[in-house]
Amino acid sequence: RSSDLTTNNLKAHCGSPDTEISLEAEEGLESLSTESIPVNVEGFILGQKQPSWVPDSEAANCMNCQVKFTFTKRRHHCRACGKVFCASCCNRKCRLQYMEKEARVCVGCHDAITKGP
């Protein structure tokens, strides 16, 4: 999967393929990449839209430090990216556009959101 945001990708995530995008916006898209704008696995900018959560059944280990989940080592979903982490790797909170209050986010998403583009 390419890390570049394309016009078609933007149109697909913004509604219909018939969405009009100005020439200036299309030219601006050429210089954007997921390195400059933090996006979740679905291609949305972090915090703008609720991500699909990785099912608990698909996460036997933390998706950051790889610690194995147990009865006492619980799973926590990052509200920005939807991945599953242990409490140590998902211990930050920040305000997300799609929520009205601060939410639990992983260290990586917190850094990406607070750092900004």
PDB file of N, CA and C in Angstrom:
ATOM      1  N   ARG A   1       0.842  -1.183   0.000  1.00  0.00           N
ATOM      2  CA  ARG A   1       0.000   0.000   0.000  1.00  0.00           C
ATOM      3  C   ARG A   1       0.878   1.234   0.000  1.00  0.00           C
ATOM      4  N   SER A   2       0.571   2.168  -0.866  1.00  0.00           N
ATOM      5  CA  SER A   2       1.361   3.383  -0.984  1.00  0.00           C
ATOM      6  C   SER A   2       1.057   4.322   0.166  1.00  0.00           C
ATOM      7  N   SER A   3       2.067   5.023   0.636  1.00  0.00           N
ATOM      8  CA  SER A   3       1.859   5.961   1.720  1.00  0.00           C
ATOM      9  C   SER A   3       1.372   7.309   1.211  1.00  0.00           C
ATOM     10  N   ASP A   4       1.383   7.530  -0.112  1.00  0.00           N
ATOM     11  CA  ASP A   4       0.931   8.804  -0.654  1.00  0.00           C
ATOM     12  C   ASP A   4      -0.580   8.877  -0.682  1.00  0.00           C
ATOM     13  N   LEU A   5      -1.099  10.058  -0.325  1.00  0.00           N
ATOM     14  CA  LEU A   5      -2.523  10.303  -0.433  1.00  0.00           C
ATOM     15  C   LEU A   5      -2.812  10.725  -1.858  1.00  0.00           C
ATOM     16  N   THR A   6      -3.745  10.060  -2.511  1.00  0.00           N
ATOM     17  CA  THR A   6      -4.058  10.379  -3.893  1.00  0.00           C
ATOM     18  C   THR A   6      -5.432  11.007  -3.973  1.00  0.00           C
ATOM     19  N   THR A   7      -5.722  11.612  -5.103  1.00  0.00           N
ATOM     20  CA  THR A   7      -7.033  12.207  -5.318  1.00  0.00           C
ATOM     21  C   THR A   7      -8.110  11.150  -5.205  1.00  0.00           C
ATOM     22  N   ASN A   8      -7.902   9.995  -5.824  1.00  0.00           N
ATOM     23  CA  ASN A   8      -8.903   8.928  -5.760  1.00  0.00           C
ATOM     24  C   ASN A   8      -9.086   8.435  -4.337  1.00  0.00           C
ATOM     25  N   ASN A   9      -8.002   8.301  -3.587  1.00  0.00           N
ATOM     26  CA  ASN A   9      -8.064   7.869  -2.199  1.00  0.00           C
ATOM     27  C   ASN A   9      -8.872   8.876  -1.394  1.00  0.00           C
ATOM     28  N   LEU A  10      -8.602  10.180  -1.590  1.00  0.00           N
ATOM     29  CA  LEU A  10      -9.322  11.219  -0.873  1.00  0.00           C
ATOM     30  C   LEU A  10     -10.799  11.181  -1.227  1.00  0.00           C
ATOM     31  N   LYS A  11     -11.120  11.042  -2.509  1.00  0.00           N
ATOM     32  CA  LYS A  11     -12.511  10.987  -2.930  1.00  0.00           C
ATOM     33  C   LYS A  11     -13.215   9.785  -2.314  1.00  0.00           C
ATOM     34  N   ALA A  12     -12.525   8.658  -2.251  1.00  0.00           N
ATOM     35  CA  ALA A  12     -13.127   7.451  -1.692  1.00  0.00           C
ATOM     36  C   ALA A  12     -13.451   7.634  -0.220  1.00  0.00           C
ATOM     37  N   HIS A  13     -12.610   8.369   0.502  1.00  0.00           N
ATOM     38  CA  HIS A  13     -12.831   8.558   1.935  1.00  0.00           C
ATOM     39  C   HIS A  13     -13.719   9.745   2.250  1.00  0.00           C
ATOM     40  N   CYS A  14     -13.940  10.640   1.296  1.00  0.00           N
ATOM     41  CA  CYS A  14     -14.737  11.834   1.551  1.00  0.00           C
ATOM     42  C   CYS A  14     -16.173  11.681   1.074  1.00  0.00           C
ATOM     43  N   GLY A  15     -16.546  10.566   0.544  1.00  0.00           N
ATOM     44  CA  GLY A  15     -17.915  10.397   0.080  1.00  0.00           C
ATOM     45  C   GLY A  15     -17.943   9.597  -1.193  1.00  0.00           C
ATOM     46  N   SER A  16     -18.367  10.228  -2.249  1.00  0.00           N
ATOM     47  CA  SER A  16     -18.509   9.515  -3.506  1.00  0.00           C
ATOM     48  C   SER A  16     -17.343   9.814  -4.432  1.00  0.00           C
ATOM     49  N   PRO A  17     -17.169   8.947  -5.445  1.00  0.00           N
ATOM     50  CA  PRO A  17     -16.097   9.199  -6.416  1.00  0.00           C
ATOM     51  C   PRO A  17     -16.353  10.452  -7.237  1.00  0.00           C
ATOM     52  N   ASP A  18     -17.573  11.000  -7.176  1.00  0.00           N
ATOM     53  CA  ASP A  18     -17.913  12.196  -7.934  1.00  0.00           C
ATOM     54  C   ASP A  18     -17.566  13.477  -7.191  1.00  0.00           C
ATOM     55  N   THR A  19     -16.990  13.340  -5.995  1.00  0.00           N
ATOM     56  CA  THR A  19     -16.623  14.504  -5.205  1.00  0.00           C
ATOM     57  C   THR A  19     -15.670  15.384  -6.003  1.00  0.00           C
ATOM     58  N   GLU A  20     -15.989  16.680  -6.073  1.00  0.00           N
ATOM     59  CA  GLU A  20     -15.149  17.611  -6.815  1.00  0.00           C
ATOM     60  C   GLU A  20     -14.000  18.084  -5.931  1.00  0.00           C
ATOM     61  N   ILE A  21     -12.813  18.081  -6.487  1.00  0.00           N
ATOM     62  CA  ILE A  21     -11.626  18.565  -5.786  1.00  0.00           C
ATOM     63  C   ILE A  21     -10.966  19.588  -6.690  1.00  0.00           C
ATOM     64  N   SER A  22     -10.683  20.766  -6.146  1.00  0.00           N
ATOM     65  CA  SER A  22     -10.106  21.835  -6.955  1.00  0.00           C
ATOM     66  C   SER A  22      -8.717  21.441  -7.445  1.00  0.00           C
ATOM     67  N   LEU A  23      -8.282  22.110  -8.496  1.00  0.00           N
ATOM     68  CA  LEU A  23      -6.957  21.852  -9.059  1.00  0.00           C
ATOM     69  C   LEU A  23      -5.880  22.153  -8.021  1.00  0.00           C
ATOM     70  N   GLU A  24      -6.063  23.229  -7.241  1.00  0.00           N
ATOM     71  CA  GLU A  24      -5.090  23.571  -6.211  1.00  0.00           C
ATOM     72  C   GLU A  24      -5.012  22.449  -5.175  1.00  0.00           C
ATOM     73  N   ALA A  25      -6.156  21.897  -4.796  1.00  0.00           N
ATOM     74  CA  ALA A  25      -6.169  20.818  -3.811  1.00  0.00           C
ATOM     75  C   ALA A  25      -5.486  19.579  -4.373  1.00  0.00           C
ATOM     76  N   GLU A  26      -5.746  19.269  -5.650  1.00  0.00           N
ATOM     77  CA  GLU A  26      -5.101  18.111  -6.264  1.00  0.00           C
ATOM     78  C   GLU A  26      -3.596  18.284  -6.299  1.00  0.00           C
ATOM     79  N   GLU A  27      -3.124  19.492  -6.640  1.00  0.00           N
ATOM     80  CA  GLU A  27      -1.689  19.739  -6.673  1.00  0.00           C
ATOM     81  C   GLU A  27      -1.099  19.643  -5.267  1.00  0.00           C
ATOM     82  N   GLY A  28      -1.845  20.112  -4.265  1.00  0.00           N
ATOM     83  CA  GLY A  28      -1.391  20.031  -2.884  1.00  0.00           C
ATOM     84  C   GLY A  28      -1.296  18.604  -2.396  1.00  0.00           C
ATOM     85  N   LEU A  29      -2.161  17.731  -2.917  1.00  0.00           N
ATOM     86  CA  LEU A  29      -2.136  16.323  -2.514  1.00  0.00           C
ATOM     87  C   LEU A  29      -0.859  15.633  -2.945  1.00  0.00           C
ATOM     88  N   GLU A  30      -0.281  16.102  -4.039  1.00  0.00           N
ATOM     89  CA  GLU A  30       0.932  15.469  -4.539  1.00  0.00           C
ATOM     90  C   GLU A  30       2.059  15.521  -3.506  1.00  0.00           C
ATOM     91  N   SER A  31       2.075  16.569  -2.682  1.00  0.00           N
ATOM     92  CA  SER A  31       3.169  16.718  -1.722  1.00  0.00           C
ATOM     93  C   SER A  31       2.857  16.103  -0.367  1.00  0.00           C
ATOM     94  N   LEU A  32       1.622  15.665  -0.157  1.00  0.00           N
ATOM     95  CA  LEU A  32       1.254  15.089   1.130  1.00  0.00           C
ATOM     96  C   LEU A  32       1.562  13.597   1.171  1.00  0.00           C
ATOM     97  N   SER A  33       1.935  13.126   2.348  1.00  0.00           N
ATOM     98  CA  SER A  33       2.108  11.703   2.554  1.00  0.00           C
ATOM     99  C   SER A  33       1.712  11.391   3.973  1.00  0.00           C
ATOM    100  N   THR A  34       1.604  10.111   4.311  1.00  0.00           N
ATOM    101  CA  THR A  34       1.240   9.732   5.670  1.00  0.00           C
ATOM    102  C   THR A  34       2.343  10.083   6.641  1.00  0.00           C
ATOM    103  N   GLU A  35       3.511  10.448   6.137  1.00  0.00           N
ATOM    104  CA  GLU A  35       4.574  10.872   7.030  1.00  0.00           C
ATOM    105  C   GLU A  35       4.317  12.283   7.535  1.00  0.00           C
ATOM    106  N   SER A  36       3.615  13.118   6.744  1.00  0.00           N
ATOM    107  CA  SER A  36       3.352  14.479   7.178  1.00  0.00           C
ATOM    108  C   SER A  36       2.003  14.609   7.870  1.00  0.00           C
ATOM    109  N   ILE A  37       1.048  13.747   7.560  1.00  0.00           N
ATOM    110  CA  ILE A  37      -0.251  13.752   8.217  1.00  0.00           C
ATOM    111  C   ILE A  37      -0.479  12.366   8.791  1.00  0.00           C
ATOM    112  N   PRO A  38      -0.625  12.253  10.114  1.00  0.00           N
ATOM    113  CA  PRO A  38      -0.832  10.929  10.709  1.00  0.00           C
ATOM    114  C   PRO A  38      -2.195  10.373  10.328  1.00  0.00           C
ATOM    115  N   VAL A  39      -2.217   9.165   9.771  1.00  0.00           N
ATOM    116  CA  VAL A  39      -3.464   8.526   9.373  1.00  0.00           C
ATOM    117  C   VAL A  39      -3.575   7.160  10.037  1.00  0.00           C
ATOM    118  N   ASN A  40      -4.836   6.699  10.209  1.00  0.00           N
ATOM    119  CA  ASN A  40      -5.043   5.367  10.767  1.00  0.00           C
ATOM    120  C   ASN A  40      -4.988   4.333   9.646  1.00  0.00           C
ATOM    121  N   VAL A  41      -5.233   3.071   9.984  1.00  0.00           N
ATOM    122  CA  VAL A  41      -5.084   2.002   9.001  1.00  0.00           C
ATOM    123  C   VAL A  41      -6.079   2.106   7.850  1.00  0.00           C
ATOM    124  N   GLU A  42      -7.164   2.865   8.032  1.00  0.00           N
ATOM    125  CA  GLU A  42      -8.152   3.020   6.969  1.00  0.00           C
ATOM    126  C   GLU A  42      -7.862   4.229   6.081  1.00  0.00           C
ATOM    127  N   GLY A  43      -6.802   4.967   6.400  1.00  0.00           N
ATOM    128  CA  GLY A  43      -6.434   6.115   5.594  1.00  0.00           C
ATOM    129  C   GLY A  43      -7.032   7.429   6.066  1.00  0.00           C
ATOM    130  N   PHE A  44      -7.749   7.438   7.175  1.00  0.00           N
ATOM    131  CA  PHE A  44      -8.323   8.663   7.705  1.00  0.00           C
ATOM    132  C   PHE A  44      -7.316   9.351   8.613  1.00  0.00           C
ATOM    133  N   ILE A  45      -7.377  10.659   8.660  1.00  0.00           N
ATOM    134  CA  ILE A  45      -6.516  11.413   9.563  1.00  0.00           C
ATOM    135  C   ILE A  45      -6.881  11.022  10.990  1.00  0.00           C
ATOM    136  N   LEU A  46      -5.863  10.732  11.804  1.00  0.00           N
ATOM    137  CA  LEU A  46      -6.096  10.267  13.175  1.00  0.00           C
ATOM    138  C   LEU A  46      -7.016  11.214  13.926  1.00  0.00           C
ATOM    139  N   GLY A  47      -8.021  10.633  14.584  1.00  0.00           N
ATOM    140  CA  GLY A  47      -8.921  11.398  15.424  1.00  0.00           C
ATOM    141  C   GLY A  47     -10.110  12.001  14.724  1.00  0.00           C
ATOM    142  N   GLN A  48     -10.129  11.998  13.394  1.00  0.00           N
ATOM    143  CA  GLN A  48     -11.261  12.583  12.675  1.00  0.00           C
ATOM    144  C   GLN A  48     -12.466  11.653  12.658  1.00  0.00           C
ATOM    145  N   LYS A  49     -12.231  10.372  12.536  1.00  0.00           N
ATOM    146  CA  LYS A  49     -13.304   9.389  12.402  1.00  0.00           C
ATOM    147  C   LYS A  49     -12.970   8.191  13.259  1.00  0.00           C
ATOM    148  N   GLN A  50     -13.997   7.598  13.853  1.00  0.00           N
ATOM    149  CA  GLN A  50     -13.778   6.426  14.695  1.00  0.00           C
ATOM    150  C   GLN A  50     -13.210   5.288  13.844  1.00  0.00           C
ATOM    151  N   PRO A  51     -12.071   4.725  14.264  1.00  0.00           N
ATOM    152  CA  PRO A  51     -11.473   3.642  13.480  1.00  0.00           C
ATOM    153  C   PRO A  51     -12.177   2.314  13.745  1.00  0.00           C
ATOM    154  N   SER A  52     -11.998   1.368  12.850  1.00  0.00           N
ATOM    155  CA  SER A  52     -12.439  -0.003  13.109  1.00  0.00           C
ATOM    156  C   SER A  52     -11.457  -0.610  14.089  1.00  0.00           C
ATOM    157  N   TRP A  53     -11.967  -1.237  15.126  1.00  0.00           N
ATOM    158  CA  TRP A  53     -11.086  -1.841  16.120  1.00  0.00           C
ATOM    159  C   TRP A  53     -10.592  -3.205  15.672  1.00  0.00           C
ATOM    160  N   VAL A  54      -9.340  -3.471  15.946  1.00  0.00           N
ATOM    161  CA  VAL A  54      -8.789  -4.813  15.729  1.00  0.00           C
ATOM    162  C   VAL A  54      -9.487  -5.716  16.740  1.00  0.00           C
ATOM    163  N   PRO A  55     -10.079  -6.826  16.298  1.00  0.00           N
ATOM    164  CA  PRO A  55     -10.766  -7.718  17.242  1.00  0.00           C
ATOM    165  C   PRO A  55      -9.809  -8.287  18.290  1.00  0.00           C
ATOM    166  N   ASP A  56     -10.297  -8.436  19.520  1.00  0.00           N
ATOM    167  CA  ASP A  56      -9.483  -9.009  20.594  1.00  0.00           C
ATOM    168  C   ASP A  56      -8.911 -10.359  20.193  1.00  0.00           C
ATOM    169  N   SER A  57      -9.692 -11.126  19.443  1.00  0.00           N
ATOM    170  CA  SER A  57      -9.266 -12.469  19.046  1.00  0.00           C
ATOM    171  C   SER A  57      -8.045 -12.447  18.121  1.00  0.00           C
ATOM    172  N   GLU A  58      -7.773 -11.307  17.493  1.00  0.00           N
ATOM    173  CA  GLU A  58      -6.623 -11.182  16.590  1.00  0.00           C
ATOM    174  C   GLU A  58      -5.412 -10.546  17.270  1.00  0.00           C
ATOM    175  N   ALA A  59      -5.511 -10.323  18.584  1.00  0.00           N
ATOM    176  CA  ALA A  59      -4.411  -9.663  19.291  1.00  0.00           C
ATOM    177  C   ALA A  59      -4.062 -10.439  20.552  1.00  0.00           C
ATOM    178  N   ALA A  60      -3.187 -11.404  20.405  1.00  0.00           N
ATOM    179  CA  ALA A  60      -2.713 -12.160  21.566  1.00  0.00           C
ATOM    180  C   ALA A  60      -1.638 -11.381  22.310  1.00  0.00           C
ATOM    181  N   ASN A  61      -0.993 -10.448  21.598  1.00  0.00           N
ATOM    182  CA  ASN A  61       0.097  -9.650  22.168  1.00  0.00           C
ATOM    183  C   ASN A  61      -0.139  -8.174  21.881  1.00  0.00           C
ATOM    184  N   CYS A  62       0.490  -7.325  22.702  1.00  0.00           N
ATOM    185  CA  CYS A  62       0.460  -5.884  22.484  1.00  0.00           C
ATOM    186  C   CYS A  62       1.053  -5.587  21.105  1.00  0.00           C
ATOM    187  N   MET A  63       0.415  -4.706  20.371  1.00  0.00           N
ATOM    188  CA  MET A  63       0.865  -4.386  19.023  1.00  0.00           C
ATOM    189  C   MET A  63       2.033  -3.399  19.012  1.00  0.00           C
ATOM    190  N   ASN A  64       2.550  -3.063  20.200  1.00  0.00           N
ATOM    191  CA  ASN A  64       3.734  -2.221  20.273  1.00  0.00           C
ATOM    192  C   ASN A  64       4.895  -2.985  20.905  1.00  0.00           C
ATOM    193  N   CYS A  65       4.738  -3.415  22.153  1.00  0.00           N
ATOM    194  CA  CYS A  65       5.859  -4.048  22.872  1.00  0.00           C
ATOM    195  C   CYS A  65       5.818  -5.580  22.838  1.00  0.00           C
ATOM    196  N   GLN A  66       4.764  -6.135  22.279  1.00  0.00           N
ATOM    197  CA  GLN A  66       4.609  -7.582  22.090  1.00  0.00           C
ATOM    198  C   GLN A  66       4.383  -8.371  23.378  1.00  0.00           C
ATOM    199  N   VAL A  67       4.103  -7.719  24.516  1.00  0.00           N
ATOM    200  CA  VAL A  67       3.823  -8.450  25.749  1.00  0.00           C
ATOM    201  C   VAL A  67       2.545  -9.278  25.546  1.00  0.00           C
ATOM    202  N   LYS A  68       2.528 -10.477  26.089  1.00  0.00           N
ATOM    203  CA  LYS A  68       1.381 -11.370  25.933  1.00  0.00           C
ATOM    204  C   LYS A  68       0.261 -10.946  26.888  1.00  0.00           C
ATOM    205  N   PHE A  69      -0.967 -10.895  26.371  1.00  0.00           N
ATOM    206  CA  PHE A  69      -2.116 -10.558  27.204  1.00  0.00           C
ATOM    207  C   PHE A  69      -2.514 -11.755  28.048  1.00  0.00           C
ATOM    208  N   THR A  70      -2.884 -11.485  29.287  1.00  0.00           N
ATOM    209  CA  THR A  70      -3.311 -12.517  30.234  1.00  0.00           C
ATOM    210  C   THR A  70      -4.557 -12.014  30.951  1.00  0.00           C
ATOM    211  N   PHE A  71      -4.986 -12.766  31.970  1.00  0.00           N
ATOM    212  CA  PHE A  71      -6.139 -12.357  32.763  1.00  0.00           C
ATOM    213  C   PHE A  71      -5.860 -11.023  33.469  1.00  0.00           C
ATOM    214  N   THR A  72      -4.630 -10.814  33.884  1.00  0.00           N
ATOM    215  CA  THR A  72      -4.285  -9.576  34.585  1.00  0.00           C
ATOM    216  C   THR A  72      -3.666  -8.520  33.659  1.00  0.00           C
ATOM    217  N   LYS A  73      -3.065  -8.916  32.560  1.00  0.00           N
ATOM    218  CA  LYS A  73      -2.488  -7.975  31.580  1.00  0.00           C
ATOM    219  C   LYS A  73      -3.544  -7.765  30.502  1.00  0.00           C
ATOM    220  N   ARG A  74      -4.323  -6.689  30.663  1.00  0.00           N
ATOM    221  CA  ARG A  74      -5.512  -6.469  29.843  1.00  0.00           C
ATOM    222  C   ARG A  74      -5.225  -5.781  28.511  1.00  0.00           C
ATOM    223  N   ARG A  75      -6.166  -5.974  27.586  1.00  0.00           N
ATOM    224  CA  ARG A  75      -6.101  -5.327  26.277  1.00  0.00           C
ATOM    225  C   ARG A  75      -6.760  -3.949  26.358  1.00  0.00           C
ATOM    226  N   HIS A  76      -6.197  -2.987  25.627  1.00  0.00           N
ATOM    227  CA  HIS A  76      -6.771  -1.651  25.527  1.00  0.00           C
ATOM    228  C   HIS A  76      -6.730  -1.229  24.074  1.00  0.00           C
ATOM    229  N   HIS A  77      -7.858  -0.757  23.558  1.00  0.00           N
ATOM    230  CA  HIS A  77      -7.908  -0.277  22.174  1.00  0.00           C
ATOM    231  C   HIS A  77      -7.609   1.210  22.131  1.00  0.00           C
ATOM    232  N   CYS A  78      -6.740   1.587  21.218  1.00  0.00           N
ATOM    233  CA  CYS A  78      -6.472   2.997  20.968  1.00  0.00           C
ATOM    234  C   CYS A  78      -7.675   3.563  20.223  1.00  0.00           C
ATOM    235  N   ARG A  79      -8.233   4.647  20.721  1.00  0.00           N
ATOM    236  CA  ARG A  79      -9.416   5.254  20.101  1.00  0.00           C
ATOM    237  C   ARG A  79      -9.080   6.030  18.833  1.00  0.00           C
ATOM    238  N   ALA A  80      -7.791   6.212  18.555  1.00  0.00           N
ATOM    239  CA  ALA A  80      -7.397   6.922  17.334  1.00  0.00           C
ATOM    240  C   ALA A  80      -7.118   5.962  16.181  1.00  0.00           C
ATOM    241  N   CYS A  81      -6.375   4.862  16.453  1.00  0.00           N
ATOM    242  CA  CYS A  81      -5.999   3.951  15.359  1.00  0.00           C
ATOM    243  C   CYS A  81      -6.739   2.619  15.397  1.00  0.00           C
ATOM    244  N   GLY A  82      -7.295   2.238  16.549  1.00  0.00           N
ATOM    245  CA  GLY A  82      -8.060   0.999  16.651  1.00  0.00           C
ATOM    246  C   GLY A  82      -7.242  -0.237  16.965  1.00  0.00           C
ATOM    247  N   LYS A  83      -5.930  -0.093  17.114  1.00  0.00           N
ATOM    248  CA  LYS A  83      -5.081  -1.246  17.418  1.00  0.00           C
ATOM    249  C   LYS A  83      -5.158  -1.575  18.904  1.00  0.00           C
ATOM    250  N   VAL A  84      -4.638  -2.755  19.267  1.00  0.00           N
ATOM    251  CA  VAL A  84      -4.724  -3.260  20.638  1.00  0.00           C
ATOM    252  C   VAL A  84      -3.359  -3.170  21.323  1.00  0.00           C
ATOM    253  N   PHE A  85      -3.347  -2.591  22.532  1.00  0.00           N
ATOM    254  CA  PHE A  85      -2.114  -2.371  23.267  1.00  0.00           C
ATOM    255  C   PHE A  85      -2.282  -2.755  24.732  1.00  0.00           C
ATOM    256  N   CYS A  86      -1.154  -2.926  25.413  1.00  0.00           N
ATOM    257  CA  CYS A  86      -1.173  -3.113  26.864  1.00  0.00           C
ATOM    258  C   CYS A  86      -1.364  -1.735  27.511  1.00  0.00           C
ATOM    259  N   ALA A  87      -1.607  -1.706  28.811  1.00  0.00           N
ATOM    260  CA  ALA A  87      -1.843  -0.445  29.511  1.00  0.00           C
ATOM    261  C   ALA A  87      -0.657   0.502  29.419  1.00  0.00           C
ATOM    262  N   SER A  88       0.560  -0.036  29.419  1.00  0.00           N
ATOM    263  CA  SER A  88       1.756   0.818  29.354  1.00  0.00           C
ATOM    264  C   SER A  88       1.893   1.511  27.998  1.00  0.00           C
ATOM    265  N   CYS A  89       1.486   0.833  26.949  1.00  0.00           N
ATOM    266  CA  CYS A  89       1.626   1.388  25.596  1.00  0.00           C
ATOM    267  C   CYS A  89       0.403   2.190  25.156  1.00  0.00           C
ATOM    268  N   CYS A  90      -0.657   2.153  25.964  1.00  0.00           N
ATOM    269  CA  CYS A  90      -1.884   2.877  25.631  1.00  0.00           C
ATOM    270  C   CYS A  90      -2.339   3.651  26.871  1.00  0.00           C
ATOM    271  N   ASN A  91      -1.446   4.503  27.374  1.00  0.00           N
ATOM    272  CA  ASN A  91      -1.718   5.188  28.631  1.00  0.00           C
ATOM    273  C   ASN A  91      -1.872   6.694  28.479  1.00  0.00           C
ATOM    274  N   ARG A  92      -2.021   7.165  27.277  1.00  0.00           N
ATOM    275  CA  ARG A  92      -2.156   8.607  27.044  1.00  0.00           C
ATOM    276  C   ARG A  92      -3.615   8.938  26.744  1.00  0.00           C
ATOM    277  N   LYS A  93      -3.951  10.208  26.887  1.00  0.00           N
ATOM    278  CA  LYS A  93      -5.288  10.686  26.531  1.00  0.00           C
ATOM    279  C   LYS A  93      -5.140  11.957  25.719  1.00  0.00           C
ATOM    280  N   CYS A  94      -6.010  12.096  24.742  1.00  0.00           N
ATOM    281  CA  CYS A  94      -6.076  13.360  24.013  1.00  0.00           C
ATOM    282  C   CYS A  94      -7.466  13.494  23.411  1.00  0.00           C
ATOM    283  N   ARG A  95      -7.775  14.709  23.031  1.00  0.00           N
ATOM    284  CA  ARG A  95      -9.093  14.993  22.464  1.00  0.00           C
ATOM    285  C   ARG A  95      -9.085  14.594  20.988  1.00  0.00           C
ATOM    286  N   LEU A  96     -10.101  13.834  20.592  1.00  0.00           N
ATOM    287  CA  LEU A  96     -10.254  13.407  19.203  1.00  0.00           C
ATOM    288  C   LEU A  96     -11.461  14.120  18.607  1.00  0.00           C
ATOM    289  N   GLN A  97     -11.404  14.461  17.338  1.00  0.00           N
ATOM    290  CA  GLN A  97     -12.487  15.226  16.707  1.00  0.00           C
ATOM    291  C   GLN A  97     -13.823  14.496  16.747  1.00  0.00           C
ATOM    292  N   TYR A  98     -13.829  13.174  16.665  1.00  0.00           N
ATOM    293  CA  TYR A  98     -15.087  12.445  16.606  1.00  0.00           C
ATOM    294  C   TYR A  98     -15.685  12.166  17.989  1.00  0.00           C
ATOM    295  N   MET A  99     -14.984  12.521  19.051  1.00  0.00           N
ATOM    296  CA  MET A  99     -15.481  12.304  20.408  1.00  0.00           C
ATOM    297  C   MET A  99     -15.610  13.641  21.135  1.00  0.00           C
ATOM    298  N   GLU A 100     -16.480  13.672  22.134  1.00  0.00           N
ATOM    299  CA  GLU A 100     -16.695  14.917  22.871  1.00  0.00           C
ATOM    300  C   GLU A 100     -15.796  15.043  24.099  1.00  0.00           C
ATOM    301  N   LYS A 101     -15.070  13.989  24.442  1.00  0.00           N
ATOM    302  CA  LYS A 101     -14.195  14.051  25.606  1.00  0.00           C
ATOM    303  C   LYS A 101     -12.841  13.459  25.241  1.00  0.00           C
ATOM    304  N   GLU A 102     -11.879  13.616  26.154  1.00  0.00           N
ATOM    305  CA  GLU A 102     -10.576  13.013  25.915  1.00  0.00           C
ATOM    306  C   GLU A 102     -10.721  11.499  25.910  1.00  0.00           C
ATOM    307  N   ALA A 103      -9.889  10.845  25.116  1.00  0.00           N
ATOM    308  CA  ALA A 103      -9.992   9.399  24.973  1.00  0.00           C
ATOM    309  C   ALA A 103      -8.620   8.748  25.093  1.00  0.00           C
ATOM    310  N   ARG A 104      -8.619   7.471  25.449  1.00  0.00           N
ATOM    311  CA  ARG A 104      -7.386   6.691  25.563  1.00  0.00           C
ATOM    312  C   ARG A 104      -6.793   6.488  24.173  1.00  0.00           C
ATOM    313  N   VAL A 105      -5.519   6.834  24.053  1.00  0.00           N
ATOM    314  CA  VAL A 105      -4.806   6.627  22.799  1.00  0.00           C
ATOM    315  C   VAL A 105      -3.445   6.021  23.089  1.00  0.00           C
ATOM    316  N   CYS A 106      -2.876   5.363  22.101  1.00  0.00           N
ATOM    317  CA  CYS A 106      -1.553   4.767  22.271  1.00  0.00           C
ATOM    318  C   CYS A 106      -0.485   5.858  22.216  1.00  0.00           C
ATOM    319  N   VAL A 107       0.689   5.514  22.658  1.00  0.00           N
ATOM    320  CA  VAL A 107       1.803   6.459  22.696  1.00  0.00           C
ATOM    321  C   VAL A 107       2.104   6.993  21.293  1.00  0.00           C
ATOM    322  N   GLY A 108       2.099   6.114  20.297  1.00  0.00           N
ATOM    323  CA  GLY A 108       2.408   6.536  18.924  1.00  0.00           C
ATOM    324  C   GLY A 108       1.403   7.525  18.368  1.00  0.00           C
ATOM    325  N   CYS A 109       0.113   7.249  18.583  1.00  0.00           N
ATOM    326  CA  CYS A 109      -0.926   8.168  18.089  1.00  0.00           C
ATOM    327  C   CYS A 109      -0.875   9.487  18.853  1.00  0.00           C
ATOM    328  N   HIS A 110      -0.651   9.414  20.160  1.00  0.00           N
ATOM    329  CA  HIS A 110      -0.560  10.631  20.953  1.00  0.00           C
ATOM    330  C   HIS A 110       0.559  11.523  20.430  1.00  0.00           C
ATOM    331  N   ASP A 111       1.704  10.942  20.184  1.00  0.00           N
ATOM    332  CA  ASP A 111       2.834  11.712  19.666  1.00  0.00           C
ATOM    333  C   ASP A 111       2.513  12.296  18.293  1.00  0.00           C
ATOM    334  N   ALA A 112       1.894  11.499  17.428  1.00  0.00           N
ATOM    335  CA  ALA A 112       1.562  11.953  16.079  1.00  0.00           C
ATOM    336  C   ALA A 112       0.508  13.066  16.096  1.00  0.00           C
ATOM    337  N   ILE A 113      -0.488  12.924  16.968  1.00  0.00           N
ATOM    338  CA  ILE A 113      -1.564  13.922  17.030  1.00  0.00           C
ATOM    339  C   ILE A 113      -1.067  15.210  17.655  1.00  0.00           C
ATOM    340  N   THR A 114      -0.330  15.121  18.741  1.00  0.00           N
ATOM    341  CA  THR A 114       0.115  16.342  19.414  1.00  0.00           C
ATOM    342  C   THR A 114       1.244  17.034  18.646  1.00  0.00           C
ATOM    343  N   LYS A 115       2.034  16.269  17.919  1.00  0.00           N
ATOM    344  CA  LYS A 115       3.097  16.852  17.101  1.00  0.00           C
ATOM    345  C   LYS A 115       2.503  17.559  15.898  1.00  0.00           C
ATOM    346  N   GLY A 116       1.472  16.959  15.299  1.00  0.00           N
ATOM    347  CA  GLY A 116       0.798  17.548  14.148  1.00  0.00           C
ATOM    348  C   GLY A 116       1.633  17.472  12.887  1.00  0.00           C
ATOM    349  N   PRO A 117       1.033  17.931  11.752  1.00  0.00           N
ATOM    350  CA  PRO A 117       1.746  17.878  10.479  1.00  0.00           C
ATOM    351  C   PRO A 117       2.859  18.889  10.393  1.00  0.00           C
TER     352      PRO A 117
END
